[in-house]
Amino acid sequence: MADIEAEYKKIIRKYCRPNYKHLSIAFGSDSAHDPENEVIVSVKTENNKSVVKTKLMKETDGKTKYTDEYEFHLTYENNRWYLEQVYYVDEEGRYEGL
């Protein structure tokens, strides 16, 4: 468990602002993100803020369908992009995931 938390903190330090206050790690299922099956569906950038929307593709019965939707919120500052939050999105709302 300590190794997993150390890896998570390393990811937070790499992509988020210094001293970013993140949620605790939650276990219970496989990772929700998979670069092989998650596609970018839109990018909206205004000034130094950007929102990247993605959908995770899953295959059932030999058919590809989109299921989980996410929003990655980023801010450009000091010549780099910082990840501010990742939201899981469904018909009822947006939920923090970082």
PDB file of N, CA and C in Angstrom:
ATOM      1  N   MET A   1       0.828  -1.193   0.000  1.00  0.00           N
ATOM      2  CA  MET A   1       0.000   0.000   0.000  1.00  0.00           C
ATOM      3  C   MET A   1       0.875   1.260   0.000  1.00  0.00           C
ATOM      4  N   ALA A   2       1.948   1.246   0.761  1.00  0.00           N
ATOM      5  CA  ALA A   2       2.836   2.413   0.823  1.00  0.00           C
ATOM      6  C   ALA A   2       3.446   2.701  -0.545  1.00  0.00           C
ATOM      7  N   ASP A   3       3.785   1.644  -1.296  1.00  0.00           N
ATOM      8  CA  ASP A   3       4.351   1.833  -2.633  1.00  0.00           C
ATOM      9  C   ASP A   3       3.347   2.511  -3.570  1.00  0.00           C
ATOM     10  N   ILE A   4       2.096   2.111  -3.480  1.00  0.00           N
ATOM     11  CA  ILE A   4       1.046   2.684  -4.332  1.00  0.00           C
ATOM     12  C   ILE A   4       0.846   4.162  -3.989  1.00  0.00           C
ATOM     13  N   GLU A   5       0.806   4.480  -2.701  1.00  0.00           N
ATOM     14  CA  GLU A   5       0.647   5.874  -2.291  1.00  0.00           C
ATOM     15  C   GLU A   5       1.837   6.715  -2.731  1.00  0.00           C
ATOM     16  N   ALA A   6       3.031   6.171  -2.667  1.00  0.00           N
ATOM     17  CA  ALA A   6       4.228   6.894  -3.113  1.00  0.00           C
ATOM     18  C   ALA A   6       4.158   7.172  -4.611  1.00  0.00           C
ATOM     19  N   GLU A   7       3.701   6.198  -5.399  1.00  0.00           N
ATOM     20  CA  GLU A   7       3.563   6.393  -6.846  1.00  0.00           C
ATOM     21  C   GLU A   7       2.498   7.445  -7.149  1.00  0.00           C
ATOM     22  N   TYR A   8       1.396   7.419  -6.405  1.00  0.00           N
ATOM     23  CA  TYR A   8       0.326   8.406  -6.596  1.00  0.00           C
ATOM     24  C   TYR A   8       0.855   9.815  -6.306  1.00  0.00           C
ATOM     25  N   LYS A   9       1.598   9.972  -5.221  1.00  0.00           N
ATOM     26  CA  LYS A   9       2.169  11.276  -4.875  1.00  0.00           C
ATOM     27  C   LYS A   9       3.165  11.742  -5.930  1.00  0.00           C
ATOM     28  N   LYS A  10       3.893  10.802  -6.527  1.00  0.00           N
ATOM     29  CA  LYS A  10       4.834  11.159  -7.590  1.00  0.00           C
ATOM     30  C   LYS A  10       4.082  11.712  -8.807  1.00  0.00           C
ATOM     31  N   ILE A  11       2.955  11.105  -9.140  1.00  0.00           N
ATOM     32  CA  ILE A  11       2.122  11.583 -10.257  1.00  0.00           C
ATOM     33  C   ILE A  11       1.560  12.969  -9.943  1.00  0.00           C
ATOM     34  N   ILE A  12       1.071  13.156  -8.716  1.00  0.00           N
ATOM     35  CA  ILE A  12       0.540  14.460  -8.305  1.00  0.00           C
ATOM     36  C   ILE A  12       1.622  15.520  -8.421  1.00  0.00           C
ATOM     37  N   ARG A  13       2.829  15.242  -7.941  1.00  0.00           N
ATOM     38  CA  ARG A  13       3.933  16.216  -8.019  1.00  0.00           C
ATOM     39  C   ARG A  13       4.301  16.537  -9.466  1.00  0.00           C
ATOM     40  N   LYS A  14       4.200  15.550 -10.349  1.00  0.00           N
ATOM     41  CA  LYS A  14       4.584  15.758 -11.744  1.00  0.00           C
ATOM     42  C   LYS A  14       3.580  16.632 -12.497  1.00  0.00           C
ATOM     43  N   TYR A  15       2.288  16.447 -12.261  1.00  0.00           N
ATOM     44  CA  TYR A  15       1.265  17.097 -13.077  1.00  0.00           C
ATOM     45  C   TYR A  15       0.513  18.242 -12.392  1.00  0.00           C
ATOM     46  N   CYS A  16       0.570  18.312 -11.071  1.00  0.00           N
ATOM     47  CA  CYS A  16      -0.197  19.330 -10.341  1.00  0.00           C
ATOM     48  C   CYS A  16       0.737  20.384  -9.751  1.00  0.00           C
ATOM     49  N   ARG A  17       0.137  21.463  -9.266  1.00  0.00           N
ATOM     50  CA  ARG A  17       0.901  22.533  -8.634  1.00  0.00           C
ATOM     51  C   ARG A  17       1.597  22.012  -7.373  1.00  0.00           C
ATOM     52  N   PRO A  18       2.679  22.679  -6.979  1.00  0.00           N
ATOM     53  CA  PRO A  18       3.319  22.303  -5.710  1.00  0.00           C
ATOM     54  C   PRO A  18       2.309  22.413  -4.562  1.00  0.00           C
ATOM     55  N   ASN A  19       2.370  21.480  -3.637  1.00  0.00           N
ATOM     56  CA  ASN A  19       1.487  21.436  -2.459  1.00  0.00           C
ATOM     57  C   ASN A  19       0.010  21.262  -2.798  1.00  0.00           C
ATOM     58  N   TYR A  20      -0.285  20.658  -3.956  1.00  0.00           N
ATOM     59  CA  TYR A  20      -1.672  20.398  -4.354  1.00  0.00           C
ATOM     60  C   TYR A  20      -2.338  19.488  -3.322  1.00  0.00           C
ATOM     61  N   LYS A  21      -3.538  19.851  -2.886  1.00  0.00           N
ATOM     62  CA  LYS A  21      -4.302  19.047  -1.918  1.00  0.00           C
ATOM     63  C   LYS A  21      -5.195  18.080  -2.695  1.00  0.00           C
ATOM     64  N   HIS A  22      -4.825  16.813  -2.722  1.00  0.00           N
ATOM     65  CA  HIS A  22      -5.554  15.811  -3.502  1.00  0.00           C
ATOM     66  C   HIS A  22      -6.398  14.919  -2.611  1.00  0.00           C
ATOM     67  N   LEU A  23      -7.324  14.221  -3.235  1.00  0.00           N
ATOM     68  CA  LEU A  23      -8.149  13.247  -2.515  1.00  0.00           C
ATOM     69  C   LEU A  23      -7.305  12.029  -2.171  1.00  0.00           C
ATOM     70  N   SER A  24      -7.762  11.272  -1.200  1.00  0.00           N
ATOM     71  CA  SER A  24      -7.085  10.024  -0.858  1.00  0.00           C
ATOM     72  C   SER A  24      -7.291   9.004  -1.965  1.00  0.00           C
ATOM     73  N   ILE A  25      -6.411   8.038  -2.021  1.00  0.00           N
ATOM     74  CA  ILE A  25      -6.534   6.963  -3.007  1.00  0.00           C
ATOM     75  C   ILE A  25      -7.736   6.100  -2.638  1.00  0.00           C
ATOM     76  N   ALA A  26      -8.515   5.715  -3.646  1.00  0.00           N
ATOM     77  CA  ALA A  26      -9.653   4.811  -3.446  1.00  0.00           C
ATOM     78  C   ALA A  26      -9.411   3.546  -4.239  1.00  0.00           C
ATOM     79  N   PHE A  27      -9.624   2.412  -3.608  1.00  0.00           N
ATOM     80  CA  PHE A  27      -9.447   1.125  -4.273  1.00  0.00           C
ATOM     81  C   PHE A  27     -10.805   0.457  -4.439  1.00  0.00           C
ATOM     82  N   GLY A  28     -10.883  -0.470  -5.357  1.00  0.00           N
ATOM     83  CA  GLY A  28     -12.122  -1.207  -5.510  1.00  0.00           C
ATOM     84  C   GLY A  28     -12.356  -1.684  -6.924  1.00  0.00           C
ATOM     85  N   SER A  29     -11.660  -1.080  -7.872  1.00  0.00           N
ATOM     86  CA  SER A  29     -11.810  -1.513  -9.253  1.00  0.00           C
ATOM     87  C   SER A  29     -10.552  -1.138 -10.020  1.00  0.00           C
ATOM     88  N   ASP A  30     -10.480  -1.575 -11.250  1.00  0.00           N
ATOM     89  CA  ASP A  30      -9.335  -1.239 -12.093  1.00  0.00           C
ATOM     90  C   ASP A  30      -9.303   0.258 -12.351  1.00  0.00           C
ATOM     91  N   SER A  31      -8.166   0.737 -12.801  1.00  0.00           N
ATOM     92  CA  SER A  31      -8.025   2.149 -13.123  1.00  0.00           C
ATOM     93  C   SER A  31      -9.102   2.572 -14.123  1.00  0.00           C
ATOM     94  N   ALA A  32      -9.628   3.768 -13.911  1.00  0.00           N
ATOM     95  CA  ALA A  32     -10.675   4.277 -14.803  1.00  0.00           C
ATOM     96  C   ALA A  32     -10.100   4.832 -16.101  1.00  0.00           C
ATOM     97  N   HIS A  33      -8.794   5.007 -16.165  1.00  0.00           N
ATOM     98  CA  HIS A  33      -8.179   5.613 -17.346  1.00  0.00           C
ATOM     99  C   HIS A  33      -7.291   4.614 -18.051  1.00  0.00           C
ATOM    100  N   ASP A  34      -7.429   4.583 -19.362  1.00  0.00           N
ATOM    101  CA  ASP A  34      -6.689   3.638 -20.186  1.00  0.00           C
ATOM    102  C   ASP A  34      -6.382   4.328 -21.509  1.00  0.00           C
ATOM    103  N   PRO A  35      -5.118   4.702 -21.734  1.00  0.00           N
ATOM    104  CA  PRO A  35      -4.797   5.442 -22.962  1.00  0.00           C
ATOM    105  C   PRO A  35      -5.136   4.699 -24.248  1.00  0.00           C
ATOM    106  N   GLU A  36      -5.244   3.396 -24.185  1.00  0.00           N
ATOM    107  CA  GLU A  36      -5.604   2.611 -25.372  1.00  0.00           C
ATOM    108  C   GLU A  36      -7.086   2.731 -25.702  1.00  0.00           C
ATOM    109  N   ASN A  37      -7.908   3.033 -24.691  1.00  0.00           N
ATOM    110  CA  ASN A  37      -9.361   3.022 -24.888  1.00  0.00           C
ATOM    111  C   ASN A  37     -10.063   4.318 -24.519  1.00  0.00           C
ATOM    112  N   GLU A  38      -9.313   5.327 -24.104  1.00  0.00           N
ATOM    113  CA  GLU A  38      -9.915   6.610 -23.757  1.00  0.00           C
ATOM    114  C   GLU A  38      -9.627   7.606 -24.876  1.00  0.00           C
ATOM    115  N   VAL A  39     -10.668   8.232 -25.387  1.00  0.00           N
ATOM    116  CA  VAL A  39     -10.499   9.153 -26.512  1.00  0.00           C
ATOM    117  C   VAL A  39     -10.873  10.570 -26.091  1.00  0.00           C
ATOM    118  N   ILE A  40     -10.161  11.541 -26.649  1.00  0.00           N
ATOM    119  CA  ILE A  40     -10.478  12.946 -26.422  1.00  0.00           C
ATOM    120  C   ILE A  40     -11.636  13.311 -27.337  1.00  0.00           C
ATOM    121  N   VAL A  41     -12.706  13.856 -26.748  1.00  0.00           N
ATOM    122  CA  VAL A  41     -13.867  14.238 -27.554  1.00  0.00           C
ATOM    123  C   VAL A  41     -13.962  15.744 -27.753  1.00  0.00           C
ATOM    124  N   SER A  42     -13.316  16.523 -26.875  1.00  0.00           N
ATOM    125  CA  SER A  42     -13.282  17.966 -27.092  1.00  0.00           C
ATOM    126  C   SER A  42     -12.209  18.612 -26.212  1.00  0.00           C
ATOM    127  N   VAL A  43     -11.746  19.769 -26.694  1.00  0.00           N
ATOM    128  CA  VAL A  43     -10.801  20.597 -25.940  1.00  0.00           C
ATOM    129  C   VAL A  43     -11.285  22.030 -26.058  1.00  0.00           C
ATOM    130  N   LYS A  44     -11.489  22.681 -24.931  1.00  0.00           N
ATOM    131  CA  LYS A  44     -11.926  24.079 -24.931  1.00  0.00           C
ATOM    132  C   LYS A  44     -10.920  24.872 -24.107  1.00  0.00           C
ATOM    133  N   THR A  45     -10.303  25.862 -24.738  1.00  0.00           N
ATOM    134  CA  THR A  45      -9.301  26.670 -24.067  1.00  0.00           C
ATOM    135  C   THR A  45      -9.687  28.133 -24.148  1.00  0.00           C
ATOM    136  N   GLU A  46      -9.677  28.800 -23.005  1.00  0.00           N
ATOM    137  CA  GLU A  46      -9.916  30.236 -22.916  1.00  0.00           C
ATOM    138  C   GLU A  46      -8.837  30.818 -22.017  1.00  0.00           C
ATOM    139  N   ASN A  47      -8.083  31.769 -22.583  1.00  0.00           N
ATOM    140  CA  ASN A  47      -6.972  32.384 -21.872  1.00  0.00           C
ATOM    141  C   ASN A  47      -6.014  31.298 -21.376  1.00  0.00           C
ATOM    142  N   ASN A  48      -5.836  31.171 -20.070  1.00  0.00           N
ATOM    143  CA  ASN A  48      -4.894  30.175 -19.540  1.00  0.00           C
ATOM    144  C   ASN A  48      -5.590  28.962 -18.937  1.00  0.00           C
ATOM    145  N   LYS A  49      -6.870  28.770 -19.249  1.00  0.00           N
ATOM    146  CA  LYS A  49      -7.638  27.625 -18.726  1.00  0.00           C
ATOM    147  C   LYS A  49      -8.055  26.719 -19.879  1.00  0.00           C
ATOM    148  N   SER A  50      -8.019  25.420 -19.623  1.00  0.00           N
ATOM    149  CA  SER A  50      -8.420  24.462 -20.650  1.00  0.00           C
ATOM    150  C   SER A  50      -9.200  23.324 -20.003  1.00  0.00           C
ATOM    151  N   VAL A  51     -10.218  22.837 -20.714  1.00  0.00           N
ATOM    152  CA  VAL A  51     -10.991  21.670 -20.290  1.00  0.00           C
ATOM    153  C   VAL A  51     -10.921  20.646 -21.415  1.00  0.00           C
ATOM    154  N   VAL A  52     -10.414  19.472 -21.079  1.00  0.00           N
ATOM    155  CA  VAL A  52     -10.306  18.372 -22.035  1.00  0.00           C
ATOM    156  C   VAL A  52     -11.331  17.325 -21.621  1.00  0.00           C
ATOM    157  N   LYS A  53     -12.279  17.040 -22.528  1.00  0.00           N
ATOM    158  CA  LYS A  53     -13.303  16.032 -22.244  1.00  0.00           C
ATOM    159  C   LYS A  53     -12.934  14.734 -22.943  1.00  0.00           C
ATOM    160  N   THR A  54     -13.067  13.633 -22.204  1.00  0.00           N
ATOM    161  CA  THR A  54     -12.747  12.316 -22.760  1.00  0.00           C
ATOM    162  C   THR A  54     -13.890  11.342 -22.509  1.00  0.00           C
ATOM    163  N   LYS A  55     -13.867  10.275 -23.289  1.00  0.00           N
ATOM    164  CA  LYS A  55     -14.779   9.150 -23.071  1.00  0.00           C
ATOM    165  C   LYS A  55     -13.956   7.872 -23.098  1.00  0.00           C
ATOM    166  N   LEU A  56     -14.286   6.995 -22.195  1.00  0.00           N
ATOM    167  CA  LEU A  56     -13.634   5.699 -22.138  1.00  0.00           C
ATOM    168  C   LEU A  56     -14.460   4.709 -22.947  1.00  0.00           C
ATOM    169  N   MET A  57     -13.834   4.095 -23.948  1.00  0.00           N
ATOM    170  CA  MET A  57     -14.536   3.132 -24.801  1.00  0.00           C
ATOM    171  C   MET A  57     -14.431   1.748 -24.169  1.00  0.00           C
ATOM    172  N   LYS A  58     -15.545   1.073 -24.118  1.00  0.00           N
ATOM    173  CA  LYS A  58     -15.565  -0.303 -23.633  1.00  0.00           C
ATOM    174  C   LYS A  58     -16.267  -1.154 -24.673  1.00  0.00           C
ATOM    175  N   GLU A  59     -15.848  -2.392 -24.751  1.00  0.00           N
ATOM    176  CA  GLU A  59     -16.448  -3.298 -25.725  1.00  0.00           C
ATOM    177  C   GLU A  59     -17.307  -4.320 -24.999  1.00  0.00           C
ATOM    178  N   THR A  60     -18.543  -4.453 -25.449  1.00  0.00           N
ATOM    179  CA  THR A  60     -19.450  -5.469 -24.927  1.00  0.00           C
ATOM    180  C   THR A  60     -20.117  -6.160 -26.094  1.00  0.00           C
ATOM    181  N   ASP A  61     -20.179  -7.451 -26.049  1.00  0.00           N
ATOM    182  CA  ASP A  61     -20.811  -8.238 -27.115  1.00  0.00           C
ATOM    183  C   ASP A  61     -20.219  -7.923 -28.476  1.00  0.00           C
ATOM    184  N   GLY A  62     -18.905  -7.635 -28.515  1.00  0.00           N
ATOM    185  CA  GLY A  62     -18.243  -7.359 -29.781  1.00  0.00           C
ATOM    186  C   GLY A  62     -18.517  -5.982 -30.350  1.00  0.00           C
ATOM    187  N   LYS A  63     -19.244  -5.143 -29.612  1.00  0.00           N
ATOM    188  CA  LYS A  63     -19.560  -3.788 -30.070  1.00  0.00           C
ATOM    189  C   LYS A  63     -18.877  -2.784 -29.153  1.00  0.00           C
ATOM    190  N   THR A  64     -18.317  -1.751 -29.749  1.00  0.00           N
ATOM    191  CA  THR A  64     -17.687  -0.705 -28.960  1.00  0.00           C
ATOM    192  C   THR A  64     -18.742   0.306 -28.549  1.00  0.00           C
ATOM    193  N   LYS A  65     -18.716   0.650 -27.274  1.00  0.00           N
ATOM    194  CA  LYS A  65     -19.625   1.690 -26.811  1.00  0.00           C
ATOM    195  C   LYS A  65     -18.860   2.610 -25.865  1.00  0.00           C
ATOM    196  N   TYR A  66     -19.303   3.832 -25.789  1.00  0.00           N
ATOM    197  CA  TYR A  66     -18.701   4.792 -24.880  1.00  0.00           C
ATOM    198  C   TYR A  66     -19.440   4.724 -23.560  1.00  0.00           C
ATOM    199  N   THR A  67     -18.676   4.713 -22.501  1.00  0.00           N
ATOM    200  CA  THR A  67     -19.334   4.644 -21.200  1.00  0.00           C
ATOM    201  C   THR A  67     -18.921   5.821 -20.331  1.00  0.00           C
ATOM    202  N   ASP A  68     -17.800   5.714 -19.673  1.00  0.00           N
ATOM    203  CA  ASP A  68     -17.400   6.732 -18.714  1.00  0.00           C
ATOM    204  C   ASP A  68     -16.920   8.012 -19.401  1.00  0.00           C
ATOM    205  N   GLU A  69     -17.329   9.143 -18.844  1.00  0.00           N
ATOM    206  CA  GLU A  69     -16.920  10.446 -19.363  1.00  0.00           C
ATOM    207  C   GLU A  69     -16.144  11.183 -18.279  1.00  0.00           C
ATOM    208  N   TYR A  70     -15.108  11.913 -18.721  1.00  0.00           N
ATOM    209  CA  TYR A  70     -14.258  12.654 -17.795  1.00  0.00           C
ATOM    210  C   TYR A  70     -13.982  14.046 -18.324  1.00  0.00           C
ATOM    211  N   GLU A  71     -13.678  14.956 -17.399  1.00  0.00           N
ATOM    212  CA  GLU A  71     -13.209  16.294 -17.738  1.00  0.00           C
ATOM    213  C   GLU A  71     -11.901  16.535 -16.993  1.00  0.00           C
ATOM    214  N   PHE A  72     -10.868  16.901 -17.751  1.00  0.00           N
ATOM    215  CA  PHE A  72      -9.580  17.249 -17.178  1.00  0.00           C
ATOM    216  C   PHE A  72      -9.484  18.773 -17.215  1.00  0.00           C
ATOM    217  N   HIS A  73      -9.352  19.414 -16.069  1.00  0.00           N
ATOM    218  CA  HIS A  73      -9.260  20.870 -15.981  1.00  0.00           C
ATOM    219  C   HIS A  73      -7.802  21.252 -15.741  1.00  0.00           C
ATOM    220  N   LEU A  74      -7.292  22.116 -16.629  1.00  0.00           N
ATOM    221  CA  LEU A  74      -5.885  22.503 -16.570  1.00  0.00           C
ATOM    222  C   LEU A  74      -5.739  24.021 -16.579  1.00  0.00           C
ATOM    223  N   THR A  75      -4.625  24.488 -16.013  1.00  0.00           N
ATOM    224  CA  THR A  75      -4.285  25.908 -16.017  1.00  0.00           C
ATOM    225  C   THR A  75      -2.853  26.064 -16.505  1.00  0.00           C
ATOM    226  N   TYR A  76      -2.648  27.035 -17.405  1.00  0.00           N
ATOM    227  CA  TYR A  76      -1.317  27.320 -17.931  1.00  0.00           C
ATOM    228  C   TYR A  76      -0.695  28.452 -17.115  1.00  0.00           C
ATOM    229  N   GLU A  77       0.463  28.171 -16.537  1.00  0.00           N
ATOM    230  CA  GLU A  77       1.137  29.153 -15.697  1.00  0.00           C
ATOM    231  C   GLU A  77       2.624  28.825 -15.654  1.00  0.00           C
ATOM    232  N   ASN A  78       3.454  29.848 -15.692  1.00  0.00           N
ATOM    233  CA  ASN A  78       4.912  29.662 -15.621  1.00  0.00           C
ATOM    234  C   ASN A  78       5.428  28.713 -16.704  1.00  0.00           C
ATOM    235  N   ASN A  79       4.917  28.893 -17.924  1.00  0.00           N
ATOM    236  CA  ASN A  79       5.353  28.114 -19.090  1.00  0.00           C
ATOM    237  C   ASN A  79       5.059  26.624 -19.017  1.00  0.00           C
ATOM    238  N   ARG A  80       4.006  26.245 -18.301  1.00  0.00           N
ATOM    239  CA  ARG A  80       3.597  24.840 -18.290  1.00  0.00           C
ATOM    240  C   ARG A  80       2.129  24.710 -17.896  1.00  0.00           C
ATOM    241  N   TRP A  81       1.550  23.558 -18.230  1.00  0.00           N
ATOM    242  CA  TRP A  81       0.170  23.251 -17.868  1.00  0.00           C
ATOM    243  C   TRP A  81       0.155  22.487 -16.552  1.00  0.00           C
ATOM    244  N   TYR A  82      -0.752  22.885 -15.645  1.00  0.00           N
ATOM    245  CA  TYR A  82      -0.971  22.180 -14.382  1.00  0.00           C
ATOM    246  C   TYR A  82      -2.351  21.539 -14.407  1.00  0.00           C
ATOM    247  N   LEU A  83      -2.419  20.313 -13.969  1.00  0.00           N
ATOM    248  CA  LEU A  83      -3.696  19.628 -13.828  1.00  0.00           C
ATOM    249  C   LEU A  83      -4.338  20.109 -12.528  1.00  0.00           C
ATOM    250  N   GLU A  84      -5.539  20.695 -12.645  1.00  0.00           N
ATOM    251  CA  GLU A  84      -6.238  21.233 -11.479  1.00  0.00           C
ATOM    252  C   GLU A  84      -7.246  20.240 -10.893  1.00  0.00           C
ATOM    253  N   GLN A  85      -7.888  19.478 -11.788  1.00  0.00           N
ATOM    254  CA  GLN A  85      -8.885  18.510 -11.318  1.00  0.00           C
ATOM    255  C   GLN A  85      -9.262  17.580 -12.457  1.00  0.00           C
ATOM    256  N   VAL A  86      -9.664  16.367 -12.096  1.00  0.00           N
ATOM    257  CA  VAL A  86     -10.243  15.408 -13.031  1.00  0.00           C
ATOM    258  C   VAL A  86     -11.627  15.088 -12.485  1.00  0.00           C
ATOM    259  N   TYR A  87     -12.640  15.291 -13.323  1.00  0.00           N
ATOM    260  CA  TYR A  87     -14.012  15.010 -12.909  1.00  0.00           C
ATOM    261  C   TYR A  87     -14.543  13.794 -13.652  1.00  0.00           C
ATOM    262  N   TYR A  88     -15.271  12.944 -12.930  1.00  0.00           N
ATOM    263  CA  TYR A  88     -16.090  11.909 -13.549  1.00  0.00           C
ATOM    264  C   TYR A  88     -17.443  12.570 -13.797  1.00  0.00           C
ATOM    265  N   VAL A  89     -17.990  12.411 -14.988  1.00  0.00           N
ATOM    266  CA  VAL A  89     -19.232  13.090 -15.360  1.00  0.00           C
ATOM    267  C   VAL A  89     -20.293  12.056 -15.723  1.00  0.00           C
ATOM    268  N   ASP A  90     -21.476  12.218 -15.149  1.00  0.00           N
ATOM    269  CA  ASP A  90     -22.615  11.396 -15.566  1.00  0.00           C
ATOM    270  C   ASP A  90     -23.850  12.285 -15.629  1.00  0.00           C
ATOM    271  N   GLU A  91     -25.000  11.687 -15.865  1.00  0.00           N
ATOM    272  CA  GLU A  91     -26.217  12.469 -16.061  1.00  0.00           C
ATOM    273  C   GLU A  91     -26.639  13.228 -14.800  1.00  0.00           C
ATOM    274  N   GLU A  92     -26.099  12.868 -13.651  1.00  0.00           N
ATOM    275  CA  GLU A  92     -26.480  13.527 -12.406  1.00  0.00           C
ATOM    276  C   GLU A  92     -25.512  14.620 -11.968  1.00  0.00           C
ATOM    277  N   GLY A  93     -24.316  14.659 -12.566  1.00  0.00           N
ATOM    278  CA  GLY A  93     -23.394  15.709 -12.170  1.00  0.00           C
ATOM    279  C   GLY A  93     -21.939  15.381 -12.448  1.00  0.00           C
ATOM    280  N   ARG A  94     -21.061  16.185 -11.837  1.00  0.00           N
ATOM    281  CA  ARG A  94     -19.617  16.013 -11.945  1.00  0.00           C
ATOM    282  C   ARG A  94     -19.058  15.691 -10.569  1.00  0.00           C
ATOM    283  N   TYR A  95     -18.103  14.783 -10.533  1.00  0.00           N
ATOM    284  CA  TYR A  95     -17.551  14.328  -9.255  1.00  0.00           C
ATOM    285  C   TYR A  95     -16.026  14.399  -9.300  1.00  0.00           C
ATOM    286  N   GLU A  96     -15.447  15.056  -8.292  1.00  0.00           N
ATOM    287  CA  GLU A  96     -13.998  15.175  -8.222  1.00  0.00           C
ATOM    288  C   GLU A  96     -13.354  13.812  -8.131  1.00  0.00           C
ATOM    289  N   GLY A  97     -12.227  13.690  -8.818  1.00  0.00           N
ATOM    290  CA  GLY A  97     -11.537  12.408  -8.813  1.00  0.00           C
ATOM    291  C   GLY A  97     -10.047  12.513  -8.590  1.00  0.00           C
ATOM    292  N   LEU A  98      -9.569  13.681  -8.202  1.00  0.00           N
ATOM    293  CA  LEU A  98      -8.131  13.861  -8.030  1.00  0.00           C
ATOM    294  C   LEU A  98      -7.813  14.321  -6.634  1.00  0.00           C
TER     295      LEU A  98
END
